[in-house]
Amino acid sequence: MTTNPHTLHTTTGRDCSGSGRVWLVAPLCTTAAPTDRPPVRDDLMRTWLPDGDVTYRSSDGRRKTTWAQLHAQFDLVEVTS
């Protein structure tokens, strides 16, 4: 019996296509915003939605920020349907 999880063959019902993108925390000036402006989730599990031309807003509408500020403060994961 193999107990090494890296060598076990597993099958799942989900398709893990790897289509979601991830942005790790970085200084303010190093990375440009994605041109398609995707909705993202931060490492505190808050969802941020594109709002206007340059800003993002939290899904509850209480917070507003720019991509640069989000990227400088949080690890971000693209939200896919």
Protein backbone atom coordinates (compact mmCIF):
# COMPACT_ATOMS: atom_id res chain seq x y z
CA MET A 1 0.00 0.00 0.00
CA THR A 2 1.31 3.43 -0.94
CA THR A 3 0.98 6.14 1.68
CA ASN A 4 2.80 8.91 -0.14
CA PRO A 5 0.03 11.33 -1.25
CA HIS A 6 2.12 12.50 -4.20
CA THR A 7 2.06 9.04 -5.76
CA LEU A 8 -1.58 8.12 -5.10
CA HIS A 9 -3.89 8.11 -8.09
CA THR A 10 -7.08 9.97 -7.24
CA THR A 11 -10.16 10.84 -9.23
CA THR A 12 -12.46 13.74 -8.47
CA GLY A 13 -15.77 14.84 -9.89
CA ARG A 14 -14.49 18.38 -10.37
CA ASP A 15 -12.61 19.57 -13.41
CA CYS A 16 -9.49 21.34 -12.17
CA SER A 17 -8.68 23.21 -15.34
CA GLY A 18 -6.45 25.76 -13.59
CA SER A 19 -8.19 28.69 -15.25
CA GLY A 20 -8.23 30.91 -12.13
CA ARG A 21 -5.41 33.41 -11.67
CA VAL A 22 -3.59 34.35 -8.47
CA TRP A 23 -1.75 37.56 -7.56
CA LEU A 24 0.50 37.54 -4.50
CA VAL A 25 1.14 40.64 -2.40
CA ALA A 26 3.66 42.96 -4.08
CA PRO A 27 4.88 46.55 -3.74
CA LEU A 28 2.65 49.26 -5.20
CA CYS A 29 4.66 49.88 -8.37
CA THR A 30 5.63 46.43 -9.65
CA THR A 31 2.57 44.97 -11.38
CA ALA A 32 -0.01 46.55 -13.66
CA ALA A 33 -3.69 45.79 -13.20
CA PRO A 34 -5.09 43.03 -15.42
CA THR A 35 -6.68 44.52 -18.52
CA ASP A 36 -9.86 42.44 -18.18
CA ARG A 37 -10.44 43.63 -14.55
CA PRO A 38 -11.71 40.35 -13.07
CA PRO A 39 -13.62 40.09 -9.79
CA VAL A 40 -11.20 38.87 -7.11
CA ARG A 41 -11.25 37.48 -3.57
CA ASP A 42 -8.66 38.56 -1.00
CA ASP A 43 -7.04 36.49 1.73
CA LEU A 44 -9.73 37.68 4.19
CA MET A 45 -12.35 36.08 1.88
CA ARG A 46 -13.81 39.45 0.78
CA THR A 47 -14.93 39.66 -2.83
CA TRP A 48 -13.92 42.77 -4.77
CA LEU A 49 -15.78 43.80 -7.92
CA PRO A 50 -14.68 46.23 -10.67
CA ASP A 51 -16.40 49.58 -10.18
CA GLY A 52 -15.95 52.35 -12.68
CA ASP A 53 -12.77 52.72 -14.69
CA VAL A 54 -10.05 52.37 -12.04
CA THR A 55 -11.59 51.30 -8.76
CA TYR A 56 -12.82 48.12 -7.10
CA ARG A 57 -15.55 47.90 -4.49
CA SER A 58 -16.27 45.26 -1.89
CA SER A 59 -19.27 43.06 -2.58
CA ASP A 60 -21.16 44.67 0.32
CA GLY A 61 -20.48 48.12 -1.17
CA ARG A 62 -18.88 49.46 2.02
CA ARG A 63 -15.28 49.70 0.77
CA LYS A 64 -13.68 51.15 -2.34
CA THR A 65 -10.05 50.91 -3.46
CA THR A 66 -7.77 50.73 -6.47
CA TRP A 67 -6.15 47.61 -7.92
CA ALA A 68 -2.72 48.86 -6.79
CA GLN A 69 -3.90 49.15 -3.19
CA LEU A 70 -5.55 45.71 -3.26
CA HIS A 71 -2.46 44.11 -4.77
CA ALA A 72 -0.16 45.79 -2.24
CA GLN A 73 -2.19 44.62 0.78
CA PHE A 74 -3.66 41.21 -0.05
CA ASP A 75 -3.05 37.96 -1.89
CA LEU A 76 -5.77 37.86 -4.55
CA VAL A 77 -7.53 35.01 -6.35
CA GLU A 78 -9.71 35.45 -9.43
CA VAL A 79 -13.37 34.67 -8.76
CA THR A 80 -14.81 32.37 -11.41
CA SER A 81 -18.42 31.29 -11.65
